[in-house]
Amino acid sequence: MVVIAREETTQQVYRRGIALVLLAGVCWSSIGLVIRLMQQAKAWQVLFYRSIALCIFLLILIAVRNNGHFRVVFRKAGLSAVLGGLALVMTFSGGVVAIMETTVANAMFLLFSTPFFAACLGYFILDESIRCATWITMSFAGIGISIMVLEAISVGNLSGNLAAILSALGFALFTVALRWGQNTDMLPAVFFGGIFTIIFTGSICLITGQGFQLPIHDIGLAFTLGIFQLGVGLAFYTLGSKALPAAELALLSMSEILLGPLWVWLVLDEMASSHTLIGGAVLLAAIVGNALFGLRQQPFPPTFP
């Protein structure tokens, strides 16, 4: 169990929470690029292999953090971890299907509904107050993302759009589950999400006849997604959730939307449009503004396991 030193102030813990959540967004932002690099894999196959890698990574991480006594950690996580894991099935499935079925810009636009879902669920379920500044910055972030994808909205299809909304709702539910279980180590929630996703997507692969045979290239990329993009990212996010309320957690993680197009441009030379650059600047200003305002106010009371 990690103990916060007496001299560590609430402001310091709050800053650490912001840094961890922003790092999570950096990890998650690579998903569009890695999926575009795949050769044959279908959405459910990607999810299946990514989840296997995620579970292996998390078992090792949980064991290392708790000196091999991971059974106690799973037992203490309780119902909130199970519910969080179920919510992640929605998040994982919806996110990958959305990117494969519609444009990345369209998917990212609809995923921005996450902070609004999280704010409402946090308010009604956890009785978390929402600062006026958070509502304002969410509005500006929404404007920024709208500008980024203004040219791409019309080309999205219904299935991809619905999948993105489902992913956003699932991640908001996961965020609320983290806040509900804030006094315990909630990494088991991510592990449960991986296990549930393996069962769900494996069943779909069998029923649809897609099977599990893929080129080594695609399996390797899926494992990369499971360990680095998803595993490390969710580990950062889970730890950061102890210091921030649900609405701010979801808002800060929107840095993923800003960085996603950057990686595609750097690796695949896919140029961003003027809409993307202008909207990205507005989004970045909103995220930074919310973080700076929070540092000036009384931070959310943190609790670390």
Protein backbone atom coordinates (compact mmCIF):
# COMPACT_ATOMS: atom_id res chain seq x y z
CA MET A 1 0.00 0.00 0.00
CA VAL A 2 1.34 3.40 -1.01
CA VAL A 3 1.34 6.01 1.75
CA ILE A 4 1.35 9.71 0.92
CA ALA A 5 4.10 11.50 2.82
CA ARG A 6 2.96 13.98 5.45
CA GLU A 7 4.75 16.87 3.76
CA GLU A 8 3.02 16.21 0.41
CA THR A 9 0.33 18.85 -0.01
CA THR A 10 -3.08 18.48 -1.61
CA GLN A 11 -1.89 20.73 -4.42
CA GLN A 12 1.03 18.41 -5.14
CA VAL A 13 -1.20 15.36 -5.28
CA TYR A 14 -3.60 17.24 -7.55
CA ARG A 15 -0.74 18.15 -9.91
CA ARG A 16 0.38 14.54 -9.98
CA GLY A 17 -3.14 13.46 -10.85
CA ILE A 18 -3.24 15.92 -13.76
CA ALA A 19 0.13 14.69 -15.05
CA LEU A 20 -0.92 11.04 -14.88
CA VAL A 21 -4.20 11.62 -16.74
CA LEU A 22 -2.46 13.67 -19.44
CA LEU A 23 0.09 10.87 -19.88
CA ALA A 24 -2.83 8.45 -20.26
CA GLY A 25 -4.14 10.58 -23.12
CA VAL A 26 -0.73 10.47 -24.79
CA CYS A 27 -0.76 6.65 -24.66
CA TRP A 28 -4.33 6.34 -25.95
CA SER A 29 -3.75 8.75 -28.83
CA SER A 30 -1.73 6.10 -30.71
CA ILE A 31 -4.72 3.83 -31.38
CA GLY A 32 -5.72 5.34 -34.74
CA LEU A 33 -2.19 5.14 -36.11
CA VAL A 34 -1.57 1.55 -35.00
CA ILE A 35 -4.91 0.30 -36.34
CA ARG A 36 -4.26 2.00 -39.69
CA LEU A 37 -0.94 0.09 -39.90
CA MET A 38 -2.68 -3.31 -39.65
CA GLN A 39 -3.01 -5.45 -42.76
CA GLN A 40 -5.91 -7.90 -42.32
CA ALA A 41 -7.25 -7.78 -38.77
CA LYS A 42 -10.94 -7.14 -38.16
CA ALA A 43 -12.21 -5.14 -35.21
CA TRP A 44 -13.12 -8.14 -33.04
CA GLN A 45 -9.80 -9.87 -33.74
CA VAL A 46 -7.90 -6.73 -32.76
CA LEU A 47 -9.90 -6.48 -29.54
CA PHE A 48 -9.31 -10.17 -28.73
CA TYR A 49 -5.52 -10.09 -29.04
CA ARG A 50 -5.22 -6.61 -27.52
CA SER A 51 -7.15 -7.77 -24.45
CA ILE A 52 -4.92 -10.84 -24.00
CA ALA A 53 -1.82 -8.61 -23.94
CA LEU A 54 -3.58 -6.18 -21.59
CA CYS A 55 -4.43 -8.88 -19.06
CA ILE A 56 -0.89 -10.29 -19.04
CA PHE A 57 0.56 -6.81 -18.55
CA LEU A 58 -1.84 -5.96 -15.72
CA LEU A 59 -1.27 -9.21 -13.85
CA ILE A 60 2.45 -8.50 -13.82
CA LEU A 61 1.91 -4.85 -12.83
CA ILE A 62 -0.50 -5.68 -10.00
CA ALA A 63 1.78 -8.42 -8.70
CA VAL A 64 4.84 -6.12 -8.72
CA ARG A 65 3.00 -3.27 -6.98
CA ASN A 66 1.73 -5.60 -4.26
CA ASN A 67 4.74 -7.89 -3.76
CA GLY A 68 2.99 -10.81 -5.41
CA HIS A 69 -0.12 -10.63 -3.22
CA PHE A 70 -2.51 -9.80 -6.04
CA ARG A 71 -5.38 -11.98 -4.74
CA VAL A 72 -5.96 -9.61 -1.84
CA VAL A 73 -6.05 -6.66 -4.24
CA PHE A 74 -8.72 -8.30 -6.40
CA ARG A 75 -10.79 -9.21 -3.36
CA LYS A 76 -10.67 -5.66 -1.96
CA ALA A 77 -11.58 -4.08 -5.31
CA GLY A 78 -15.06 -5.56 -4.99
CA LEU A 79 -18.17 -4.76 -6.97
CA SER A 80 -16.95 -1.39 -8.27
CA ALA A 81 -14.09 -3.14 -10.10
CA VAL A 82 -16.45 -5.66 -11.70
CA LEU A 83 -18.83 -2.91 -12.83
CA GLY A 84 -15.90 -0.87 -14.12
CA GLY A 85 -14.69 -3.90 -16.07
CA LEU A 86 -18.11 -4.37 -17.69
CA ALA A 87 -18.13 -0.71 -18.65
CA LEU A 88 -14.73 -1.13 -20.31
CA VAL A 89 -16.16 -3.80 -22.62
CA MET A 90 -18.38 -1.06 -24.05
CA THR A 91 -15.42 1.32 -24.23
CA PHE A 92 -13.01 -1.09 -25.90
CA SER A 93 -15.50 -2.50 -28.39
CA GLY A 94 -17.08 0.79 -29.34
CA GLY A 95 -13.76 2.59 -29.78
CA VAL A 96 -12.17 0.08 -32.15
CA VAL A 97 -15.35 -0.49 -34.17
CA ALA A 98 -15.84 3.28 -34.50
CA ILE A 99 -12.33 3.85 -35.86
CA MET A 100 -12.75 0.99 -38.35
CA GLU A 101 -16.28 1.90 -39.45
CA THR A 102 -16.04 5.68 -39.73
CA THR A 103 -13.41 8.37 -40.05
CA VAL A 104 -11.02 8.87 -37.14
CA ALA A 105 -12.17 12.50 -36.93
CA ASN A 106 -15.83 11.48 -36.74
CA ALA A 107 -15.09 8.94 -34.01
CA MET A 108 -13.06 11.43 -31.99
CA PHE A 109 -15.80 14.06 -32.24
CA LEU A 110 -18.41 11.71 -30.81
CA LEU A 111 -16.02 10.45 -28.12
CA PHE A 112 -15.94 13.99 -26.75
CA SER A 113 -19.38 13.33 -25.26
CA THR A 114 -17.49 11.40 -22.54
CA PRO A 115 -16.97 14.41 -20.21
CA PHE A 116 -20.65 15.28 -20.39
CA PHE A 117 -21.68 11.71 -19.59
CA ALA A 118 -19.10 11.57 -16.79
CA ALA A 119 -20.17 14.91 -15.33
CA CYS A 120 -23.83 13.92 -15.22
CA LEU A 121 -23.19 10.41 -13.87
CA GLY A 122 -20.73 11.75 -11.29
CA TYR A 123 -23.27 14.34 -10.15
CA PHE A 124 -26.23 11.94 -9.83
CA ILE A 125 -24.42 8.78 -8.65
CA LEU A 126 -21.52 10.15 -6.60
CA ASP A 127 -22.95 13.55 -5.70
CA GLU A 128 -19.80 15.20 -7.07
CA SER A 129 -20.07 18.93 -7.60
CA ILE A 130 -19.02 20.36 -10.96
CA ARG A 131 -17.13 23.62 -10.98
CA CYS A 132 -18.41 26.37 -13.24
CA ALA A 133 -14.95 26.57 -14.84
CA THR A 134 -15.16 22.87 -15.76
CA TRP A 135 -18.46 23.40 -17.57
CA ILE A 136 -16.98 26.39 -19.41
CA THR A 137 -13.83 24.54 -20.47
CA MET A 138 -15.86 21.53 -21.62
CA SER A 139 -17.88 23.89 -23.81
CA PHE A 140 -14.75 25.41 -25.33
CA ALA A 141 -13.27 21.95 -25.85
CA GLY A 142 -16.46 20.94 -27.64
CA ILE A 143 -16.12 23.97 -29.91
CA GLY A 144 -12.52 23.06 -30.66
CA ILE A 145 -13.31 19.48 -31.58
CA SER A 146 -16.29 20.60 -33.67
CA ILE A 147 -13.94 22.82 -35.70
CA MET A 148 -11.46 19.95 -36.07
CA VAL A 149 -13.99 17.60 -37.64
CA LEU A 150 -16.29 20.06 -39.40
CA GLU A 151 -15.18 18.79 -42.80
CA ALA A 152 -15.49 15.11 -41.86
CA ILE A 153 -18.86 14.88 -40.08
CA SER A 154 -20.88 14.22 -43.21
CA VAL A 155 -18.84 11.18 -44.26
CA GLY A 156 -19.39 9.11 -41.12
CA ASN A 157 -21.80 6.17 -41.18
CA LEU A 158 -24.42 5.28 -38.60
CA SER A 159 -22.80 2.13 -37.20
CA GLY A 160 -19.48 3.87 -36.59
CA ASN A 161 -21.16 6.86 -34.97
CA LEU A 162 -23.28 4.70 -32.66
CA ALA A 163 -20.19 2.69 -31.71
CA ALA A 164 -18.34 5.89 -30.77
CA ILE A 165 -21.24 7.06 -28.58
CA LEU A 166 -21.36 3.64 -26.90
CA SER A 167 -17.61 3.87 -26.25
CA ALA A 168 -18.00 7.34 -24.73
CA LEU A 169 -20.80 6.19 -22.42
CA GLY A 170 -18.81 3.13 -21.37
CA PHE A 171 -15.75 5.20 -20.51
CA ALA A 172 -17.87 7.62 -18.49
CA LEU A 173 -19.29 4.67 -16.53
CA PHE A 174 -15.76 3.33 -16.00
CA THR A 175 -14.65 6.74 -14.72
CA VAL A 176 -17.52 6.86 -12.22
CA ALA A 177 -16.70 3.31 -11.07
CA LEU A 178 -13.10 4.45 -10.43
CA ARG A 179 -14.32 7.33 -8.32
CA TRP A 180 -16.69 5.00 -6.44
CA GLY A 181 -13.81 2.65 -5.59
CA GLN A 182 -11.27 5.41 -4.96
CA ASN A 183 -10.17 4.02 -1.59
CA THR A 184 -8.93 0.77 -3.12
CA ASP A 185 -6.55 -0.21 -5.92
CA MET A 186 -8.78 -0.16 -9.02
CA LEU A 187 -6.33 -1.69 -11.51
CA PRO A 188 -8.31 -4.96 -11.16
CA ALA A 189 -11.19 -3.14 -12.86
CA VAL A 190 -9.06 -2.80 -15.98
CA PHE A 191 -8.05 -6.46 -15.73
CA PHE A 192 -11.71 -7.51 -15.47
CA GLY A 193 -12.42 -5.35 -18.51
CA GLY A 194 -9.78 -7.27 -20.43
CA ILE A 195 -11.12 -10.66 -19.34
CA PHE A 196 -14.72 -9.75 -20.17
CA THR A 197 -13.60 -8.41 -23.56
CA ILE A 198 -11.68 -11.61 -24.35
CA ILE A 199 -14.81 -13.67 -23.67
CA PHE A 200 -17.08 -11.31 -25.60
CA THR A 201 -14.90 -10.80 -28.68
CA GLY A 202 -13.70 -14.39 -28.75
CA SER A 203 -17.31 -15.54 -28.91
CA ILE A 204 -18.02 -13.13 -31.77
CA CYS A 205 -14.97 -14.32 -33.70
CA LEU A 206 -16.18 -17.92 -33.39
CA ILE A 207 -19.83 -17.19 -34.19
CA THR A 208 -19.05 -15.05 -37.25
CA GLY A 209 -16.38 -17.41 -38.54
CA GLN A 210 -13.63 -14.78 -38.45
CA GLY A 211 -11.46 -17.07 -36.35
CA PHE A 212 -8.20 -16.09 -34.72
CA GLN A 213 -5.66 -16.58 -37.51
CA LEU A 214 -3.84 -13.34 -38.35
CA PRO A 215 -0.44 -12.35 -39.75
CA ILE A 216 2.27 -12.05 -37.09
CA HIS A 217 2.49 -8.38 -38.07
CA ASP A 218 -1.12 -7.72 -37.02
CA ILE A 219 -0.87 -9.80 -33.84
CA GLY A 220 2.26 -7.90 -32.84
CA LEU A 221 0.52 -4.57 -33.36
CA ALA A 222 -2.49 -5.75 -31.37
CA PHE A 223 -0.20 -6.78 -28.50
CA THR A 224 1.49 -3.38 -28.71
CA LEU A 225 -1.92 -1.76 -28.33
CA GLY A 226 -2.71 -3.97 -25.34
CA ILE A 227 0.50 -3.27 -23.44
CA PHE A 228 1.53 0.28 -24.29
CA GLN A 229 -1.49 2.08 -25.73
CA LEU A 230 -4.12 0.57 -23.43
CA GLY A 231 -2.36 -1.05 -20.47
CA VAL A 232 0.07 1.74 -19.61
CA GLY A 233 -2.53 4.39 -20.45
CA LEU A 234 -5.23 2.91 -18.22
CA ALA A 235 -2.70 2.37 -15.43
CA PHE A 236 -1.88 6.11 -15.52
CA TYR A 237 -5.57 7.01 -15.68
CA THR A 238 -6.54 4.70 -12.83
CA LEU A 239 -3.84 6.14 -10.56
CA GLY A 240 -4.71 9.71 -11.54
CA SER A 241 -8.39 9.12 -10.78
CA LYS A 242 -7.66 9.30 -7.05
CA ALA A 243 -6.99 13.03 -7.23
CA LEU A 244 -9.56 14.36 -9.71
CA PRO A 245 -13.38 14.34 -9.96
CA ALA A 246 -15.06 12.42 -12.79
CA ALA A 247 -15.77 15.42 -15.04
CA GLU A 248 -12.17 16.67 -14.93
CA LEU A 249 -10.79 13.17 -15.44
CA ALA A 250 -12.72 12.74 -18.67
CA LEU A 251 -11.94 16.27 -19.82
CA LEU A 252 -8.17 16.02 -19.33
CA SER A 253 -8.08 12.66 -21.11
CA MET A 254 -9.37 14.46 -24.21
CA SER A 255 -5.71 15.28 -24.95
CA GLU A 256 -5.97 11.97 -26.86
CA ILE A 257 -8.08 13.75 -29.48
CA LEU A 258 -5.51 16.48 -29.92
CA LEU A 259 -2.52 14.14 -30.31
CA GLY A 260 -4.13 11.42 -32.44
CA PRO A 261 -3.87 13.34 -35.74
CA LEU A 262 -0.30 14.39 -34.88
CA TRP A 263 1.03 10.80 -34.81
CA VAL A 264 -0.68 10.00 -38.12
CA TRP A 265 0.94 13.07 -39.67
CA LEU A 266 4.41 12.28 -38.31
CA VAL A 267 4.41 8.59 -39.33
CA LEU A 268 2.11 8.39 -42.36
CA ASP A 269 2.55 11.97 -43.59
CA GLU A 270 -1.20 12.55 -43.41
CA MET A 271 -1.47 16.33 -43.32
CA ALA A 272 -3.90 17.97 -40.93
CA SER A 273 -6.36 20.48 -42.38
CA SER A 274 -6.65 24.06 -41.24
CA HIS A 275 -9.84 23.09 -39.38
CA THR A 276 -7.90 20.49 -37.41
CA LEU A 277 -5.10 22.90 -36.54
CA ILE A 278 -7.45 25.69 -35.40
CA GLY A 279 -9.73 23.33 -33.48
CA GLY A 280 -6.74 21.63 -31.90
CA ALA A 281 -5.46 24.94 -30.62
CA VAL A 282 -8.84 25.70 -29.01
CA LEU A 283 -8.95 22.22 -27.48
CA LEU A 284 -5.44 22.54 -26.08
CA ALA A 285 -6.27 25.93 -24.58
CA ALA A 286 -9.38 24.47 -22.91
CA ILE A 287 -7.47 21.52 -21.40
CA VAL A 288 -4.60 23.68 -20.13
CA GLY A 289 -7.01 26.33 -18.86
CA ASN A 290 -8.97 23.81 -16.82
CA ALA A 291 -5.79 22.39 -15.29
CA LEU A 292 -4.41 25.83 -14.38
CA PHE A 293 -7.72 26.97 -12.87
CA GLY A 294 -7.90 23.80 -10.80
CA LEU A 295 -4.44 24.43 -9.38
CA ARG A 296 -5.55 27.86 -8.18
CA GLN A 297 -8.64 26.48 -6.46
CA GLN A 298 -9.02 24.05 -3.56
CA PRO A 299 -8.24 20.72 -5.24
CA PHE A 300 -10.45 17.67 -5.03
CA PRO A 301 -9.60 15.67 -1.87
CA PRO A 302 -7.33 12.84 -3.06
CA THR A 303 -7.02 9.28 -1.81
CA PHE A 304 -4.35 6.89 -3.03
CA PRO A 305 -4.36 3.13 -2.36
